PDB file of N, CA and C in Angstrom:
ATOM      1  N   MET A   1       0.978  -0.838  -0.079  1.00  0.00           N
ATOM      2  CA  MET A   1      -0.273  -0.225   0.463  1.00  0.00           C
ATOM      3  C   MET A   1       1.008   1.236   0.162  1.00  0.00           C
ATOM      4  N   SER A   2       0.564   1.841  -0.480  1.00  0.00           N
ATOM      5  CA  SER A   2       1.022   3.490  -0.890  1.00  0.00           C
ATOM      6  C   SER A   2       0.539   4.236  -0.219  1.00  0.00           C
ATOM      7  N   PHE A   3       1.457   5.399   0.112  1.00  0.00           N
ATOM      8  CA  PHE A   3       0.282   6.717   0.715  1.00  0.00           C
ATOM      9  C   PHE A   3       1.025   8.007   0.041  1.00  0.00           C
ATOM     10  N   ILE A   4       0.002   9.039  -0.224  1.00  0.00           N
ATOM     11  CA  ILE A   4       0.125  10.223  -0.558  1.00  0.00           C
ATOM     12  C   ILE A   4       0.522  11.192   0.560  1.00  0.00           C
ATOM     13  N   ASN A   5       1.525  11.780   0.287  1.00  0.00           N
ATOM     14  CA  ASN A   5       2.316  12.868   1.099  1.00  0.00           C
ATOM     15  C   ASN A   5       1.411  13.922   1.122  1.00  0.00           C
ATOM     16  N   ALA A   6       0.725  14.892   1.653  1.00  0.00           N
ATOM     17  CA  ALA A   6      -0.351  15.612   1.781  1.00  0.00           C
ATOM     18  C   ALA A   6       0.402  17.253   0.806  1.00  0.00           C
ATOM     19  N   ALA A   7       1.403  17.213   0.797  1.00  0.00           N
ATOM     20  CA  ALA A   7       2.194  17.933  -0.008  1.00  0.00           C
ATOM     21  C   ALA A   7       1.954  17.501  -1.198  1.00  0.00           C
ATOM     22  N   ASP A   8       2.142  16.431  -1.840  1.00  0.00           N
ATOM     23  CA  ASP A   8       1.848  15.994  -3.130  1.00  0.00           C
ATOM     24  C   ASP A   8       0.529  16.264  -3.464  1.00  0.00           C
ATOM     25  N   LEU A   9      -0.379  15.718  -2.274  1.00  0.00           N
ATOM     26  CA  LEU A   9      -2.024  15.688  -3.023  1.00  0.00           C
ATOM     27  C   LEU A   9      -2.416  17.494  -3.236  1.00  0.00           C
ATOM     28  N   ASP A  10      -1.424  17.978  -2.105  1.00  0.00           N
ATOM     29  CA  ASP A  10      -2.335  19.488  -2.652  1.00  0.00           C
ATOM     30  C   ASP A  10      -1.549  20.140  -3.954  1.00  0.00           C
ATOM     31  N   LYS A  11      -0.344  19.854  -3.904  1.00  0.00           N
ATOM     32  CA  LYS A  11      -0.216  20.052  -5.678  1.00  0.00           C
ATOM     33  C   LYS A  11      -0.746  19.736  -6.926  1.00  0.00           C
ATOM     34  N   ASN A  12      -1.295  18.110  -6.535  1.00  0.00           N
ATOM     35  CA  ASN A  12      -1.888  17.919  -7.694  1.00  0.00           C
ATOM     36  C   ASN A  12      -3.221  18.599  -7.491  1.00  0.00           C
ATOM     37  N   VAL A  13      -4.230  18.741  -6.756  1.00  0.00           N
ATOM     38  CA  VAL A  13      -5.132  19.304  -6.414  1.00  0.00           C
ATOM     39  C   VAL A  13      -5.025  20.652  -6.861  1.00  0.00           C
ATOM     40  N   LEU A  14      -3.609  21.468  -6.655  1.00  0.00           N
ATOM     41  CA  LEU A  14      -3.844  22.497  -7.081  1.00  0.00           C
ATOM     42  C   LEU A  14      -3.551  22.511  -8.895  1.00  0.00           C
ATOM     43  N   ASP A  15      -2.305  21.800  -9.360  1.00  0.00           N
ATOM     44  CA  ASP A  15      -2.461  21.542 -10.364  1.00  0.00           C
ATOM     45  C   ASP A  15      -3.997  21.284 -11.469  1.00  0.00           C
ATOM     46  N   TYR A  16      -4.598  20.401 -11.194  1.00  0.00           N
ATOM     47  CA  TYR A  16      -5.869  20.000 -11.274  1.00  0.00           C
ATOM     48  C   TYR A  16      -6.662  21.526 -11.392  1.00  0.00           C
ATOM     49  N   TYR A  17      -6.736  21.880 -10.396  1.00  0.00           N
ATOM     50  CA  TYR A  17      -7.353  23.323 -10.141  1.00  0.00           C
ATOM     51  C   TYR A  17      -6.974  24.807 -11.539  1.00  0.00           C
ATOM     52  N   ASN A  18      -5.657  24.585 -11.475  1.00  0.00           N
ATOM     53  CA  ASN A  18      -5.134  25.426 -12.505  1.00  0.00           C
ATOM     54  C   ASN A  18      -5.621  25.173 -13.750  1.00  0.00           C
ATOM     55  N   ALA A  19      -5.196  24.118 -13.932  1.00  0.00           N
ATOM     56  CA  ALA A  19      -5.974  23.605 -15.268  1.00  0.00           C
ATOM     57  C   ALA A  19      -7.225  23.779 -15.742  1.00  0.00           C
ATOM     58  N   ALA A  20      -7.708  23.636 -14.786  1.00  0.00           N
ATOM     59  CA  ALA A  20      -9.575  23.851 -15.066  1.00  0.00           C
ATOM     60  C   ALA A  20      -9.724  25.315 -15.148  1.00  0.00           C
ATOM     61  N   MET A  21      -9.107  25.927 -14.547  1.00  0.00           N
ATOM     62  CA  MET A  21      -9.229  27.643 -14.672  1.00  0.00           C
ATOM     63  C   MET A  21      -8.473  27.953 -15.849  1.00  0.00           C
ATOM     64  N   GLU A  22      -7.354  27.493 -16.620  1.00  0.00           N
ATOM     65  CA  GLU A  22      -6.684  28.002 -17.640  1.00  0.00           C
ATOM     66  C   GLU A  22      -8.115  27.992 -18.974  1.00  0.00           C
ATOM     67  N   ALA A  23      -8.481  26.160 -19.111  1.00  0.00           N
ATOM     68  CA  ALA A  23      -9.278  25.803 -19.709  1.00  0.00           C
ATOM     69  C   ALA A  23     -10.711  26.730 -19.613  1.00  0.00           C
ATOM     70  N   LYS A  24     -10.791  26.854 -18.808  1.00  0.00           N
ATOM     71  CA  LYS A  24     -12.625  27.923 -18.325  1.00  0.00           C
ATOM     72  C   LYS A  24     -12.279  29.164 -18.950  1.00  0.00           C
ATOM     73  N   ASP A  25     -10.892  29.986 -18.687  1.00  0.00           N
ATOM     74  CA  ASP A  25     -10.595  31.304 -19.509  1.00  0.00           C
ATOM     75  C   ASP A  25     -10.218  30.753 -21.111  1.00  0.00           C
ATOM     76  N   MET A  26      -9.880  30.033 -21.381  1.00  0.00           N
ATOM     77  CA  MET A  26      -9.656  29.872 -22.961  1.00  0.00           C
ATOM     78  C   MET A  26     -11.181  29.913 -23.763  1.00  0.00           C
ATOM     79  N   ARG A  27     -12.307  29.356 -23.176  1.00  0.00           N
ATOM     80  CA  ARG A  27     -13.695  29.027 -23.618  1.00  0.00           C
ATOM     81  C   ARG A  27     -14.061  30.359 -23.342  1.00  0.00           C
ATOM     82  N   GLU A  28     -14.146  31.616 -22.372  1.00  0.00           N
ATOM     83  CA  GLU A  28     -14.740  32.452 -22.027  1.00  0.00           C
ATOM     84  C   GLU A  28     -14.115  33.084 -23.126  1.00  0.00           C
ATOM     85  N   LYS A  29     -12.670  33.605 -23.469  1.00  0.00           N
ATOM     86  CA  LYS A  29     -11.550  34.561 -24.611  1.00  0.00           C
ATOM     87  C   LYS A  29     -12.321  34.038 -25.838  1.00  0.00           C
ATOM     88  N   SER A  30     -12.930  32.824 -26.132  1.00  0.00           N
ATOM     89  CA  SER A  30     -13.187  32.263 -27.412  1.00  0.00           C
ATOM     90  C   SER A  30     -14.673  32.611 -27.520  1.00  0.00           C
ATOM     91  N   TYR A  31     -15.655  32.918 -26.225  1.00  0.00           N
ATOM     92  CA  TYR A  31     -16.743  33.156 -26.394  1.00  0.00           C
ATOM     93  C   TYR A  31     -17.447  34.658 -26.653  1.00  0.00           C
ATOM     94  N   TYR A  32     -16.102  35.337 -26.280  1.00  0.00           N
ATOM     95  CA  TYR A  32     -16.171  36.820 -26.644  1.00  0.00           C
ATOM     96  C   TYR A  32     -15.524  37.458 -27.678  1.00  0.00           C
ATOM     97  N   LYS A  33     -14.970  36.412 -28.722  1.00  0.00           N
ATOM     98  CA  LYS A  33     -14.306  36.967 -29.258  1.00  0.00           C
ATOM     99  C   LYS A  33     -15.367  36.648 -30.331  1.00  0.00           C
ATOM    100  N   LYS A  34     -15.953  35.322 -30.506  1.00  0.00           N
ATOM    101  CA  LYS A  34     -17.268  34.918 -31.030  1.00  0.00           C
ATOM    102  C   LYS A  34     -18.219  36.351 -31.162  1.00  0.00           C
ATOM    103  N   ASN A  35     -18.560  36.299 -30.414  1.00  0.00           N
ATOM    104  CA  ASN A  35     -19.653  37.522 -29.734  1.00  0.00           C
ATOM    105  C   ASN A  35     -19.252  39.111 -30.215  1.00  0.00           C
ATOM    106  N   ARG A  36     -17.960  39.256 -30.406  1.00  0.00           N
ATOM    107  CA  ARG A  36     -17.532  40.639 -30.504  1.00  0.00           C
ATOM    108  C   ARG A  36     -17.468  40.799 -31.976  1.00  0.00           C
ATOM    109  N   ALA A  37     -17.359  39.621 -32.836  1.00  0.00           N
ATOM    110  CA  ALA A  37     -17.347  39.719 -33.936  1.00  0.00           C
ATOM    111  C   ALA A  37     -18.491  39.994 -34.266  1.00  0.00           C
ATOM    112  N   ALA A  38     -19.671  39.043 -34.065  1.00  0.00           N
ATOM    113  CA  ALA A  38     -21.444  38.982 -34.405  1.00  0.00           C
ATOM    114  C   ALA A  38     -21.422  40.504 -34.184  1.00  0.00           C
ATOM    115  N   TYR A  39     -20.927  40.927 -33.058  1.00  0.00           N
ATOM    116  CA  TYR A  39     -21.764  42.641 -32.718  1.00  0.00           C
ATOM    117  C   TYR A  39     -21.114  43.631 -33.667  1.00  0.00           C
ATOM    118  N   ILE A  40     -19.822  43.474 -33.938  1.00  0.00           N
ATOM    119  CA  ILE A  40     -19.046  44.239 -35.297  1.00  0.00           C
ATOM    120  C   ILE A  40     -19.780  44.109 -36.533  1.00  0.00           C
ATOM    121  N   ASP A  41     -20.356  42.960 -36.730  1.00  0.00           N
ATOM    122  CA  ASP A  41     -21.145  42.680 -38.000  1.00  0.00           C
ATOM    123  C   ASP A  41     -22.449  43.151 -38.007  1.00  0.00           C
ATOM    124  N   SER A  42     -23.195  43.029 -36.866  1.00  0.00           N
ATOM    125  CA  SER A  42     -23.846  43.659 -36.989  1.00  0.00           C
ATOM    126  C   SER A  42     -24.353  45.285 -37.229  1.00  0.00           C
ATOM    127  N   LEU A  43     -23.468  45.921 -36.259  1.00  0.00           N
ATOM    128  CA  LEU A  43     -23.318  47.466 -36.507  1.00  0.00           C
ATOM    129  C   LEU A  43     -22.564  47.880 -37.784  1.00  0.00           C
ATOM    130  N   LEU A  44     -21.740  47.529 -38.698  1.00  0.00           N
ATOM    131  CA  LEU A  44     -21.425  47.752 -40.000  1.00  0.00           C
ATOM    132  C   LEU A  44     -22.741  46.945 -41.387  1.00  0.00           C
ATOM    133  N   MET A  45     -23.377  45.937 -40.738  1.00  0.00           N
ATOM    134  CA  MET A  45     -24.707  46.097 -41.586  1.00  0.00           C
ATOM    135  C   MET A  45     -25.944  47.141 -41.239  1.00  0.00           C
ATOM    136  N   CYS A  46     -25.867  47.848 -40.057  1.00  0.00           N
ATOM    137  CA  CYS A  46     -26.781  48.794 -39.466  1.00  0.00           C
ATOM    138  C   CYS A  46     -25.752  50.316 -40.159  1.00  0.00           C
ATOM    139  N   VAL A  47     -24.987  50.299 -40.063  1.00  0.00           N
ATOM    140  CA  VAL A  47     -24.108  51.584 -40.607  1.00  0.00           C
ATOM    141  C   VAL A  47     -24.649  51.305 -42.194  1.00  0.00           C
ATOM    142  N   ARG A  48     -24.572  50.120 -42.743  1.00  0.00           N
ATOM    143  CA  ARG A  48     -25.237  50.060 -44.602  1.00  0.00           C
ATOM    144  C   ARG A  48     -26.443  50.530 -44.793  1.00  0.00           C
ATOM    145  N   LEU A  49     -27.321  50.198 -43.776  1.00  0.00           N
ATOM    146  CA  LEU A  49     -28.510  50.031 -44.279  1.00  0.00           C
ATOM    147  C   LEU A  49     -29.006  51.628 -43.518  1.00  0.00           C
ATOM    148  N   GLY A  50     -28.210  52.252 -43.084  1.00  0.00           N
ATOM    149  CA  GLY A  50     -28.708  53.359 -42.371  1.00  0.00           C
ATOM    150  C   GLY A  50     -29.161  53.186 -40.803  1.00  0.00           C
ATOM    151  N   ASP A  51     -29.456  52.558 -40.607  1.00  0.00           N
ATOM    152  CA  ASP A  51     -29.987  52.064 -38.818  1.00  0.00           C
ATOM    153  C   ASP A  51     -29.088  52.864 -37.888  1.00  0.00           C
ATOM    154  N   TRP A  52     -29.490  54.072 -38.009  1.00  0.00           N
ATOM    155  CA  TRP A  52     -28.697  54.572 -36.778  1.00  0.00           C
ATOM    156  C   TRP A  52     -28.876  54.107 -35.210  1.00  0.00           C
ATOM    157  N   HIS A  53     -30.134  53.902 -35.098  1.00  0.00           N
ATOM    158  CA  HIS A  53     -30.418  53.174 -33.437  1.00  0.00           C
ATOM    159  C   HIS A  53     -29.587  52.044 -33.654  1.00  0.00           C
ATOM    160  N   GLY A  54     -29.887  50.872 -34.852  1.00  0.00           N
ATOM    161  CA  GLY A  54     -29.185  49.739 -34.347  1.00  0.00           C
ATOM    162  C   GLY A  54     -27.724  50.089 -34.447  1.00  0.00           C
ATOM    163  N   VAL A  55     -27.605  51.019 -35.111  1.00  0.00           N
ATOM    164  CA  VAL A  55     -25.522  51.085 -35.065  1.00  0.00           C
ATOM    165  C   VAL A  55     -25.609  51.413 -33.064  1.00  0.00           C
ATOM    166  N   SER A  56     -26.517  52.388 -32.546  1.00  0.00           N
ATOM    167  CA  SER A  56     -26.264  52.482 -31.417  1.00  0.00           C
ATOM    168  C   SER A  56     -26.181  51.485 -30.477  1.00  0.00           C
ATOM    169  N   ASP A  57     -27.323  50.421 -30.988  1.00  0.00           N
ATOM    170  CA  ASP A  57     -27.427  49.324 -29.858  1.00  0.00           C
ATOM    171  C   ASP A  57     -26.332  48.201 -29.979  1.00  0.00           C
ATOM    172  N   ALA A  58     -25.722  48.167 -31.093  1.00  0.00           N
ATOM    173  CA  ALA A  58     -24.691  47.525 -31.285  1.00  0.00           C
ATOM    174  C   ALA A  58     -23.272  48.005 -30.583  1.00  0.00           C
ATOM    175  N   ALA A  59     -23.030  49.093 -30.599  1.00  0.00           N
ATOM    176  CA  ALA A  59     -22.311  50.028 -29.987  1.00  0.00           C
ATOM    177  C   ALA A  59     -22.213  49.758 -28.429  1.00  0.00           C
ATOM    178  N   ASN A  60     -23.669  49.727 -28.368  1.00  0.00           N
ATOM    179  CA  ASN A  60     -23.742  49.773 -26.729  1.00  0.00           C
ATOM    180  C   ASN A  60     -23.190  48.191 -26.073  1.00  0.00           C
ATOM    181  N   ASP A  61     -23.639  47.223 -26.762  1.00  0.00           N
ATOM    182  CA  ASP A  61     -23.511  45.787 -26.446  1.00  0.00           C
ATOM    183  C   ASP A  61     -22.191  45.519 -26.719  1.00  0.00           C
ATOM    184  N   LEU A  62     -21.160  46.269 -27.784  1.00  0.00           N
ATOM    185  CA  LEU A  62     -19.699  45.872 -27.765  1.00  0.00           C
ATOM    186  C   LEU A  62     -19.197  46.403 -26.509  1.00  0.00           C
ATOM    187  N   ARG A  63     -19.643  48.014 -25.923  1.00  0.00           N
ATOM    188  CA  ARG A  63     -19.007  48.648 -24.846  1.00  0.00           C
ATOM    189  C   ARG A  63     -19.346  47.340 -23.413  1.00  0.00           C
ATOM    190  N   VAL A  64     -20.345  46.860 -23.469  1.00  0.00           N
ATOM    191  CA  VAL A  64     -20.601  45.924 -22.430  1.00  0.00           C
ATOM    192  C   VAL A  64     -19.632  44.692 -22.563  1.00  0.00           C
ATOM    193  N   LEU A  65     -20.103  44.209 -23.437  1.00  0.00           N
ATOM    194  CA  LEU A  65     -19.569  43.334 -23.827  1.00  0.00           C
ATOM    195  C   LEU A  65     -17.815  43.393 -23.178  1.00  0.00           C
ATOM    196  N   GLU A  66     -17.239  44.400 -24.127  1.00  0.00           N
ATOM    197  CA  GLU A  66     -15.807  44.783 -23.383  1.00  0.00           C
ATOM    198  C   GLU A  66     -15.687  44.586 -21.922  1.00  0.00           C
ATOM    199  N   ALA A  67     -16.599  45.548 -21.484  1.00  0.00           N
ATOM    200  CA  ALA A  67     -16.908  45.751 -19.698  1.00  0.00           C
ATOM    201  C   ALA A  67     -16.418  44.570 -19.299  1.00  0.00           C
ATOM    202  N   LYS A  68     -17.418  43.501 -19.267  1.00  0.00           N
ATOM    203  CA  LYS A  68     -17.266  42.008 -18.843  1.00  0.00           C
ATOM    204  C   LYS A  68     -16.109  41.259 -19.063  1.00  0.00           C
ATOM    205  N   GLU A  69     -15.185  41.172 -20.070  1.00  0.00           N
ATOM    206  CA  GLU A  69     -14.041  41.310 -20.521  1.00  0.00           C
ATOM    207  C   GLU A  69     -12.863  41.595 -19.965  1.00  0.00           C
ATOM    208  N   GLY A  70     -13.146  42.753 -19.370  1.00  0.00           N
ATOM    209  CA  GLY A  70     -12.191  43.293 -18.589  1.00  0.00           C
ATOM    210  C   GLY A  70     -10.927  44.178 -19.607  1.00  0.00           C
ATOM    211  N   LYS A  71     -11.697  44.884 -20.206  1.00  0.00           N
ATOM    212  CA  LYS A  71     -10.631  45.806 -21.041  1.00  0.00           C
ATOM    213  C   LYS A  71     -10.707  47.465 -20.625  1.00  0.00           C
TER     214      LYS A  71
END
């Protein structure tokens, strides 16, 4: 029977936690990147259509998204 030393267990748990957090960060960055591109496309379409309220809405959505992203 082998025993795991408490320091090794703590290190393994910490490594697992850090890996999980890095994966979460990658998913969130991908989410923001995709949504940012969609909002920019929407904004440009509204400009082409002359829909200035739509431009304002898309710009506000971009501002909120970037604030959540931490920019």
